[in-house]
Amino acid sequence: MNKEQLTQEIAMLKMDYIGLQGDIEKLESTGHNKMIENAERRLAGMEERLADLNKQLAEATE
């Protein structure tokens, strides 16, 4: 991926991450614990992906 593609992917992933955080807040208020666990696992995966993309972006700008 080039720098622009990495930047776009990071932006989209951040938007998805924020949306999922909002979903988790709604689930917490309604007591859907199993769904919260699944969503938190997805957040962790997103965090790993963001870290990887940011690393790739840093390497691309060197």
C-alpha atoms as a PDB file:
ATOM      1  CA  MET A   1       0.000   0.000   0.000  1.00  0.00           C
ATOM      2  CA  ASN A   2       1.146   3.498  -0.639  1.00  0.00           C
ATOM      3  CA  LYS A   3       1.039   6.337   1.872  1.00  0.00           C
ATOM      4  CA  GLU A   4      -2.337   7.645   0.688  1.00  0.00           C
ATOM      5  CA  GLN A   5      -3.953   4.202   0.837  1.00  0.00           C
ATOM      6  CA  LEU A   6      -2.580   3.648   4.329  1.00  0.00           C
ATOM      7  CA  THR A   7      -3.921   7.009   5.485  1.00  0.00           C
ATOM      8  CA  GLN A   8      -7.360   6.231   4.053  1.00  0.00           C
ATOM      9  CA  GLU A   9      -7.458   2.777   5.628  1.00  0.00           C
ATOM     10  CA  ILE A  10      -6.446   4.217   9.011  1.00  0.00           C
ATOM     11  CA  ALA A  11      -9.189   6.857   8.783  1.00  0.00           C
ATOM     12  CA  MET A  12     -11.847   4.268   7.909  1.00  0.00           C
ATOM     13  CA  LEU A  13     -10.719   1.949  10.676  1.00  0.00           C
ATOM     14  CA  LYS A  14     -10.824   4.797  13.197  1.00  0.00           C
ATOM     15  CA  MET A  15     -14.396   5.616  12.161  1.00  0.00           C
ATOM     16  CA  ASP A  16     -15.403   1.958  12.558  1.00  0.00           C
ATOM     17  CA  TYR A  17     -13.652   1.855  15.930  1.00  0.00           C
ATOM     18  CA  ILE A  18     -15.551   4.889  17.202  1.00  0.00           C
ATOM     19  CA  GLY A  19     -18.831   3.429  15.967  1.00  0.00           C
ATOM     20  CA  LEU A  20     -18.149   0.143  17.713  1.00  0.00           C
ATOM     21  CA  GLN A  21     -17.348   1.965  20.942  1.00  0.00           C
ATOM     22  CA  GLY A  22     -20.774   3.608  20.737  1.00  0.00           C
ATOM     23  CA  ASP A  23     -22.393   0.250  20.117  1.00  0.00           C
ATOM     24  CA  ILE A  24     -20.660  -1.166  23.190  1.00  0.00           C
ATOM     25  CA  GLU A  25     -22.007   1.691  25.305  1.00  0.00           C
ATOM     26  CA  LYS A  26     -25.528   0.909  24.106  1.00  0.00           C
ATOM     27  CA  LEU A  27     -25.056  -2.799  24.803  1.00  0.00           C
ATOM     28  CA  GLU A  28     -23.774  -2.056  28.294  1.00  0.00           C
ATOM     29  CA  SER A  29     -26.876  -0.038  29.068  1.00  0.00           C
ATOM     30  CA  THR A  30     -29.098  -2.925  27.991  1.00  0.00           C
ATOM     31  CA  GLY A  31     -27.095  -5.705  29.673  1.00  0.00           C
ATOM     32  CA  HIS A  32     -26.059  -7.748  26.638  1.00  0.00           C
ATOM     33  CA  ASN A  33     -22.854  -9.119  28.157  1.00  0.00           C
ATOM     34  CA  LYS A  34     -22.100 -11.777  25.513  1.00  0.00           C
ATOM     35  CA  MET A  35     -22.415  -9.242  22.716  1.00  0.00           C
ATOM     36  CA  ILE A  36     -20.163  -6.852  24.648  1.00  0.00           C
ATOM     37  CA  GLU A  37     -17.450  -9.516  24.877  1.00  0.00           C
ATOM     38  CA  ASN A  38     -17.592 -10.081  21.115  1.00  0.00           C
ATOM     39  CA  ALA A  39     -17.464  -6.356  20.414  1.00  0.00           C
ATOM     40  CA  GLU A  40     -14.509  -5.907  22.757  1.00  0.00           C
ATOM     41  CA  ARG A  41     -12.637  -8.652  20.900  1.00  0.00           C
ATOM     42  CA  ARG A  42     -13.341  -6.820  17.655  1.00  0.00           C
ATOM     43  CA  LEU A  43     -11.994  -3.600  19.219  1.00  0.00           C
ATOM     44  CA  ALA A  44      -8.803  -5.408  20.205  1.00  0.00           C
ATOM     45  CA  GLY A  45      -8.402  -6.664  16.637  1.00  0.00           C
ATOM     46  CA  MET A  46      -8.937  -3.161  15.313  1.00  0.00           C
ATOM     47  CA  GLU A  47      -6.319  -1.813  17.708  1.00  0.00           C
ATOM     48  CA  GLU A  48      -3.802  -4.361  16.433  1.00  0.00           C
ATOM     49  CA  ARG A  49      -4.627  -3.497  12.834  1.00  0.00           C
ATOM     50  CA  LEU A  50      -4.277   0.232  13.554  1.00  0.00           C
ATOM     51  CA  ALA A  51      -0.886  -0.343  15.161  1.00  0.00           C
ATOM     52  CA  ASP A  52       0.245  -2.305  12.115  1.00  0.00           C
ATOM     53  CA  LEU A  53      -1.035   0.322   9.674  1.00  0.00           C
ATOM     54  CA  ASN A  54       0.585   3.148  11.641  1.00  0.00           C
ATOM     55  CA  LYS A  55       3.877   1.244  11.606  1.00  0.00           C
ATOM     56  CA  GLN A  56       3.598   0.774   7.834  1.00  0.00           C
ATOM     57  CA  LEU A  57       2.798   4.473   7.426  1.00  0.00           C
ATOM     58  CA  ALA A  58       5.811   5.490   9.513  1.00  0.00           C
ATOM     59  CA  GLU A  59       8.037   3.253   7.403  1.00  0.00           C
ATOM     60  CA  ALA A  60       6.563   4.666   4.201  1.00  0.00           C
ATOM     61  CA  THR A  61       7.351   8.243   5.220  1.00  0.00           C
ATOM     62  CA  GLU A  62      10.975   7.542   6.172  1.00  0.00           C
END
